[in-house]
Protein backbone atom coordinates (compact mmCIF):
# COMPACT_ATOMS: atom_id res chain seq x y z
CA MET A 1 147.44 132.28 108.01
CA LEU A 2 147.51 135.86 109.27
CA ASP A 3 144.90 136.55 111.96
CA LEU A 4 143.87 140.18 112.49
CA HIS A 5 141.22 139.67 115.19
CA THR A 6 142.84 138.14 118.26
CA HIS A 7 142.86 139.18 121.90
CA VAL A 8 145.23 139.36 124.83
CA VAL A 9 144.84 139.86 128.58
CA PRO A 10 147.71 141.52 130.46
CA PRO A 11 148.97 139.69 133.55
CA ARG A 12 148.79 141.21 137.00
CA THR A 13 151.16 144.10 137.64
CA PRO A 14 151.59 146.45 140.61
CA PHE A 15 149.82 149.14 138.60
CA LEU A 16 146.83 146.90 137.88
CA ASP A 17 146.73 145.73 141.49
CA ARG A 18 146.49 149.36 142.63
CA LEU A 19 143.65 149.99 140.21
CA VAL A 20 141.74 146.90 141.33
CA ALA A 21 142.25 147.86 144.95
CA SER A 22 140.56 151.18 144.21
CA ASP A 23 137.68 149.75 142.14
CA ALA A 24 136.82 146.07 141.66
CA ARG A 25 135.20 146.78 138.29
CA TRP A 26 138.61 146.68 136.63
CA ALA A 27 139.11 143.43 134.73
CA ARG A 28 142.08 141.45 135.98
CA LEU A 29 143.71 138.11 135.37
CA GLU A 30 144.28 135.50 138.07
CA PRO A 31 146.67 132.98 136.44
CA ALA A 32 146.89 129.43 137.71
CA GLY A 33 149.33 127.42 135.63
CA ALA A 34 148.00 126.54 132.19
CA THR A 35 144.84 128.61 132.61
CA GLY A 36 143.70 131.76 134.32
CA ASP A 37 140.45 133.34 135.43
CA VAL A 38 139.50 136.76 134.13
CA LEU A 39 137.62 138.58 136.87
CA VAL A 40 135.30 141.49 136.13
CA ALA A 41 133.74 143.30 139.09
CA GLY A 42 135.18 140.60 141.32
CA LYS A 43 133.42 137.73 139.50
CA VAL A 44 134.84 135.19 137.07
CA PHE A 45 133.92 136.32 133.56
CA ARG A 46 135.80 133.62 131.66
CA THR A 47 138.64 131.18 132.06
CA VAL A 48 141.39 131.59 129.49
CA ARG A 49 144.35 129.51 128.38
CA ARG A 50 147.90 130.61 129.11
CA VAL A 51 148.26 131.81 125.51
CA ALA A 52 145.99 134.73 126.40
CA TRP A 53 148.84 136.40 128.32
CA ASP A 54 152.05 134.48 127.59
CA LEU A 55 153.12 135.52 124.10
CA ALA A 56 155.97 133.02 123.88
CA ALA A 57 153.60 130.11 124.56
CA ARG A 58 151.06 131.71 122.26
CA ARG A 59 153.51 131.85 119.38
CA VAL A 60 154.31 128.15 119.65
CA ASP A 61 150.59 127.35 119.79
CA ALA A 62 149.76 129.64 116.87
CA ALA A 63 152.58 128.39 114.68
CA ALA A 64 151.48 124.80 115.27
CA ALA A 65 148.05 125.80 113.95
CA GLY A 66 149.60 127.28 110.81
CA ALA A 67 149.61 130.95 111.79
CA THR A 68 152.22 133.24 110.25
CA GLY A 69 151.29 136.21 112.41
CA GLN A 70 148.68 137.77 114.67
CA LEU A 71 147.39 141.26 115.30
CA LEU A 72 146.82 141.53 119.05
CA SER A 73 144.14 143.64 120.70
CA ALA A 74 142.71 143.97 124.19
CA MET A 75 139.94 141.70 125.38
CA PRO A 76 136.85 143.97 125.09
CA GLU A 77 136.15 143.72 128.82
CA LEU A 78 139.37 145.70 129.31
CA PHE A 79 137.85 148.80 127.67
CA ALA A 80 136.60 150.00 131.09
CA GLY A 81 134.30 152.61 129.61
CA TRP A 82 133.06 153.46 133.09
CA ALA A 83 136.52 154.64 134.24
CA SER A 84 137.24 158.34 134.74
CA ALA A 85 139.22 160.16 132.07
CA GLY A 86 142.31 160.19 134.30
CA ASP A 87 142.18 156.52 135.24
CA GLY A 88 141.31 155.59 131.67
CA LEU A 89 144.35 157.42 130.37
CA ALA A 90 146.65 155.88 132.99
CA TYR A 91 145.37 152.41 132.17
CA ALA A 92 145.64 152.97 128.41
CA ARG A 93 149.26 154.08 128.74
CA ALA A 94 150.10 151.07 130.91
CA PHE A 95 148.39 148.60 128.57
CA ASN A 96 149.96 150.12 125.46
CA ASP A 97 153.44 150.08 127.01
CA TRP A 98 153.00 146.45 128.07
CA LEU A 99 151.81 145.35 124.64
CA ALA A 100 154.54 147.20 122.74
CA GLU A 101 157.20 145.70 125.02
CA GLU A 102 155.77 142.18 124.75
CA ILE A 103 155.55 142.06 120.96
CA GLY A 104 159.02 143.52 120.44
CA PRO A 105 161.08 140.31 120.76
CA HIS A 106 158.96 138.33 118.29
CA ASP A 107 160.47 139.57 115.01
CA GLY A 108 157.25 140.84 113.50
CA PHE A 109 155.14 137.76 114.21
CA TYR A 110 152.94 139.96 116.37
CA THR A 111 151.61 143.42 115.70
CA GLY A 112 149.45 145.31 118.17
CA LEU A 113 146.59 147.70 118.71
CA GLY A 114 146.50 150.15 121.57
CA VAL A 115 143.60 151.37 123.70
CA VAL A 116 142.51 154.90 124.60
CA PRO A 117 140.56 156.63 127.40
CA LEU A 118 136.93 156.36 126.31
CA ARG A 119 135.51 159.17 128.46
CA ASP A 120 137.90 161.70 126.96
CA PRO A 121 137.70 161.73 123.14
CA ASP A 122 140.18 164.61 122.92
CA GLY A 123 142.59 162.73 125.17
CA ALA A 124 142.05 159.64 123.04
CA ALA A 125 143.00 161.60 119.93
CA ALA A 126 146.10 163.01 121.63
CA LEU A 127 147.24 159.52 122.68
CA LEU A 128 147.27 158.23 119.10
CA ALA A 129 150.65 159.81 118.37
CA ASP A 130 152.14 157.90 121.31
CA ILE A 131 150.52 154.69 120.08
CA ALA A 132 152.11 155.16 116.66
CA ALA A 133 155.48 156.07 118.20
CA ALA A 134 155.42 152.86 120.26
CA GLY A 135 155.22 150.82 117.07
CA LEU A 136 151.60 149.77 117.45
CA VAL A 137 149.70 149.83 114.16
CA GLY A 138 146.37 151.09 115.40
CA VAL A 139 143.80 151.30 118.14
CA GLU A 140 140.83 149.24 119.26
CA VAL A 141 137.62 150.97 120.35
CA PRO A 142 134.18 149.66 121.33
CA ALA A 143 131.29 149.96 118.93
CA GLN A 144 129.44 152.06 121.51
CA PRO A 145 131.77 154.28 123.55
CA PRO A 146 130.31 155.60 126.82
CA THR A 147 130.58 159.25 125.81
CA ALA A 148 128.78 159.30 122.46
CA ALA A 149 128.50 157.29 119.26
CA LEU A 150 131.62 157.12 117.11
CA HIS A 151 129.93 159.24 114.45
CA ALA A 152 129.20 162.02 116.97
CA PRO A 153 131.12 165.30 116.63
CA VAL A 154 133.11 164.66 119.83
CA TRP A 155 134.90 161.76 118.10
CA ALA A 156 135.65 163.66 114.89
CA GLY A 157 139.11 164.73 116.06
CA PHE A 158 139.96 161.15 117.00
CA LEU A 159 138.97 159.85 113.57
CA ASP A 160 140.82 162.70 111.86
CA GLU A 161 144.00 161.99 113.80
CA ALA A 162 143.81 158.25 113.16
CA ALA A 163 143.48 158.96 109.45
CA ARG A 164 146.37 161.44 109.55
CA LEU A 165 148.66 158.96 111.27
CA GLY A 166 147.61 156.04 109.06
CA LEU A 167 146.53 153.99 112.07
CA LEU A 168 143.99 151.19 111.92
CA VAL A 169 140.82 151.75 113.94
CA PHE A 170 139.46 148.34 114.96
CA VAL A 171 135.83 148.77 116.00
CA HIS A 172 134.80 145.85 118.20
CA ALA A 173 131.24 144.86 119.00
CA VAL A 174 130.12 145.11 122.63
CA GLY A 175 127.05 144.08 124.59
CA GLY A 176 126.59 147.42 126.29
CA ALA A 177 124.15 148.13 129.09
CA ALA A 178 121.58 145.73 127.63
CA ALA A 179 123.87 142.79 128.43
CA ALA A 180 122.83 143.05 132.08
CA ASP A 181 119.35 141.84 131.12
CA TYR A 182 120.67 138.47 129.91
CA PRO A 183 121.11 135.47 132.23
CA HIS A 184 124.48 134.53 130.71
CA PRO A 185 127.16 136.70 129.08
CA MET A 186 127.33 134.45 126.01
CA ALA A 187 123.59 134.88 125.44
CA ALA A 188 124.18 138.63 125.36
CA ASN A 189 127.20 138.13 123.13
CA GLY A 190 125.20 136.17 120.57
CA ALA A 191 122.19 138.45 120.50
CA LEU A 192 123.78 141.88 120.89
CA PHE A 193 127.12 141.84 119.08
CA PRO A 194 125.72 141.84 115.51
CA ALA A 195 123.45 144.80 116.25
CA SER A 196 126.20 146.62 118.13
CA ILE A 197 128.76 146.63 115.35
CA GLY A 198 126.15 147.14 112.63
CA THR A 199 124.79 150.20 114.40
CA ALA A 200 128.26 151.68 114.87
CA ILE A 201 129.43 151.22 111.29
CA GLY A 202 126.03 152.13 109.87
CA GLY A 203 126.13 155.36 111.85
CA LEU A 204 129.59 156.24 110.54
CA ILE A 205 128.35 155.66 107.00
CA ALA A 206 124.92 157.32 107.26
CA THR A 207 126.36 160.51 108.74
CA GLY A 208 129.05 160.81 106.08
CA ALA A 209 131.89 160.26 108.56
CA ILE A 210 133.48 157.55 106.39
CA ALA A 211 133.09 159.43 103.10
CA ALA A 212 134.60 162.54 104.70
CA ARG A 213 137.79 160.62 105.59
CA PRO A 214 138.93 158.59 102.57
CA GLY A 215 142.24 157.91 104.32
CA LEU A 216 140.64 156.34 107.39
CA ARG A 217 141.57 152.69 107.85
CA LEU A 218 138.80 150.94 109.75
CA LEU A 219 138.31 147.25 110.52
CA ALA A 220 134.86 146.10 111.64
CA SER A 221 134.62 143.07 113.91
CA HIS A 222 132.16 140.23 113.36
CA GLY A 223 131.74 140.93 109.69
CA GLY A 224 130.08 144.24 110.43
CA GLY A 225 127.17 142.35 111.99
CA SER A 226 123.84 143.70 110.78
CA LEU A 227 125.49 146.27 108.50
CA ILE A 228 124.86 144.32 105.30
CA THR A 229 121.11 144.48 106.02
CA GLU A 230 121.29 148.24 106.71
CA LEU A 231 123.06 149.39 103.56
CA PRO A 232 120.11 148.99 101.14
CA ARG A 233 117.81 150.81 103.55
CA ILE A 234 120.27 153.67 104.02
CA ASP A 235 120.66 154.03 100.26
CA PHE A 236 116.90 153.90 99.70
CA LEU A 237 116.42 156.72 102.20
CA ARG A 238 119.36 158.66 100.76
CA ASP A 239 117.82 158.51 97.30
CA SER A 240 114.55 159.97 98.57
CA THR A 241 115.83 162.43 101.20
CA PRO A 242 117.75 165.52 100.02
CA ALA A 243 119.04 166.25 103.53
CA LEU A 244 120.54 162.77 103.76
CA ARG A 245 122.21 163.20 100.38
CA GLU A 246 123.85 166.33 101.76
CA LEU A 247 125.20 164.31 104.68
CA MET A 248 126.28 161.44 102.45
CA PRO A 249 128.19 162.51 99.33
CA GLU A 250 128.34 158.88 98.20
CA PRO A 251 126.06 155.81 98.44
CA ALA A 252 126.30 153.74 101.60
CA ALA A 253 127.62 150.69 99.78
CA ARG A 254 130.49 152.74 98.37
CA SER A 255 131.44 153.93 101.85
CA ALA A 256 131.23 150.35 103.11
CA ARG A 257 133.80 149.33 100.50
CA ARG A 258 136.35 151.64 102.11
CA LEU A 259 136.49 149.45 105.24
CA TRP A 260 137.74 145.96 106.11
CA TYR A 261 135.78 143.18 107.81
CA ASP A 262 136.56 139.90 109.50
CA PRO A 263 134.48 136.85 108.42
CA LEU A 264 132.92 136.14 111.83
CA LEU A 265 129.36 135.88 110.53
CA PHE A 266 129.34 132.09 111.07
CA ASP A 267 127.56 131.36 107.79
CA PRO A 268 129.02 131.02 104.28
CA ALA A 269 126.01 132.62 102.60
CA LEU A 270 126.32 135.72 104.77
CA VAL A 271 130.06 135.97 104.18
CA ARG A 272 129.56 135.56 100.45
CA HIS A 273 126.98 138.34 100.49
CA LEU A 274 129.36 140.54 102.49
CA ALA A 275 132.12 139.91 99.95
CA ASP A 276 129.75 140.65 97.06
CA VAL A 277 128.78 143.98 98.64
CA VAL A 278 132.12 145.28 99.92
CA GLY A 279 134.58 143.38 97.74
CA ALA A 280 136.21 140.02 98.39
CA ASP A 281 139.54 141.74 99.06
CA ARG A 282 138.03 143.60 102.03
CA VAL A 283 137.43 140.43 104.06
CA VAL A 284 140.43 139.60 106.27
CA LEU A 285 140.94 136.71 108.64
CA GLY A 286 139.81 137.21 112.23
CA THR A 287 139.09 134.35 114.62
CA ASP A 288 138.66 135.91 118.09
CA HIS A 289 141.60 133.74 119.21
CA PRO A 290 141.99 132.46 121.90
CA PHE A 291 138.41 132.74 123.15
CA MET A 292 136.40 130.59 120.72
CA PRO A 293 135.84 126.97 121.85
CA ALA A 294 136.02 125.74 118.23
CA ASP A 295 137.25 127.11 114.90
CA PRO A 296 134.73 129.86 114.08
CA VAL A 297 135.79 130.14 110.43
CA ALA A 298 135.98 126.46 109.48
CA PHE A 299 133.03 127.11 107.17
CA LEU A 300 135.39 129.01 104.85
CA ASP A 301 136.59 125.63 103.57
CA GLY A 302 133.09 124.31 102.92
CA PRO A 303 130.75 124.72 99.97
CA GLY A 304 129.08 127.98 99.06
CA LEU A 305 132.13 130.22 98.72
CA PRO A 306 134.13 131.01 95.57
CA GLU A 307 137.26 129.05 94.79
CA GLY A 308 140.31 130.71 96.28
CA PHE A 309 138.28 132.91 98.62
CA ALA A 310 139.31 131.10 101.81
CA ALA A 311 142.99 131.29 100.91
CA ALA A 312 142.72 135.00 100.14
CA VAL A 313 140.95 135.70 103.44
CA ARG A 314 143.58 133.78 105.40
CA THR A 315 146.69 135.08 103.65
CA HIS A 316 146.65 137.66 100.86
CA ASN A 317 143.96 140.02 102.16
CA PRO A 318 145.26 140.43 105.73
CA ALA A 319 148.84 140.64 104.46
CA ALA A 320 147.87 143.47 102.11
CA LEU A 321 146.21 145.40 104.94
CA LEU A 322 149.12 144.81 107.31
CA GLU A 323 151.58 145.95 104.67
CA LEU A 324 149.56 149.13 104.29
CA LEU A 325 149.80 149.69 108.05
CA THR A 326 153.51 148.96 108.40
CA SER A 327 154.95 150.49 105.23
């Protein structure tokens, strides 16, 4: 079982303490034995198990559950899209250094994704070479960066550089500003994440950004969310709109098949439809470990999915993608 959608939270460090002292909006961990509280803007956002920051304990826990490896990425609340370009860069460097150092002793069991300053797309592009040099296999970005949508021209250089370096771009759903209107963060998570990732990936497809970069390796969180409902509409409009055909040299569904997706759609019929549209080999295991209270992909073993699909999602498909990233 090779899990490509898992998260980590760095422990407190003098650098993080200095950041928090300057602005309480920075997410930070307050460990207390077997668990720890993640504080955002000075308030407890969630309580996490020790495996969220202790990679030795995490490996024992993961191996007991049958895992053969994990791709680690930052908890989305660590994106800090509000931070200045300078602070964002300093934090990204510190996080990336910490992650690269932590995964080193584990003989390939862990691979990692870096983070970048979100208010400086050019700086984000420039940092990718350092991420690759540190041995990280890609970068995680939010579905809606604070500067502009990922398909906007300001992010073109970032996407070009990621494609040139062969890095994975993991686009993770976020709640965004609308989350503040919900009485509980998990209510916002449930309602907003599918639209968030669907809008981001749909935008990259509908503007031709994916078709223009056949070498771009992109993983969409949460099964691409609403994307599978958008593709027929985009193609219908492309067929009837000459200007859209100029933007999109290929049908939306073909662009969608260039990407990878985790199966976090929570329904076998939806995952089967996703696999039918993008290809069964493009669905790779992702569980959101260690934040889900129960196994979010247990449905893979139930009825409604083709024979052998669950095994491919858990083993062959993620291994093939990881081999592409590490070869």
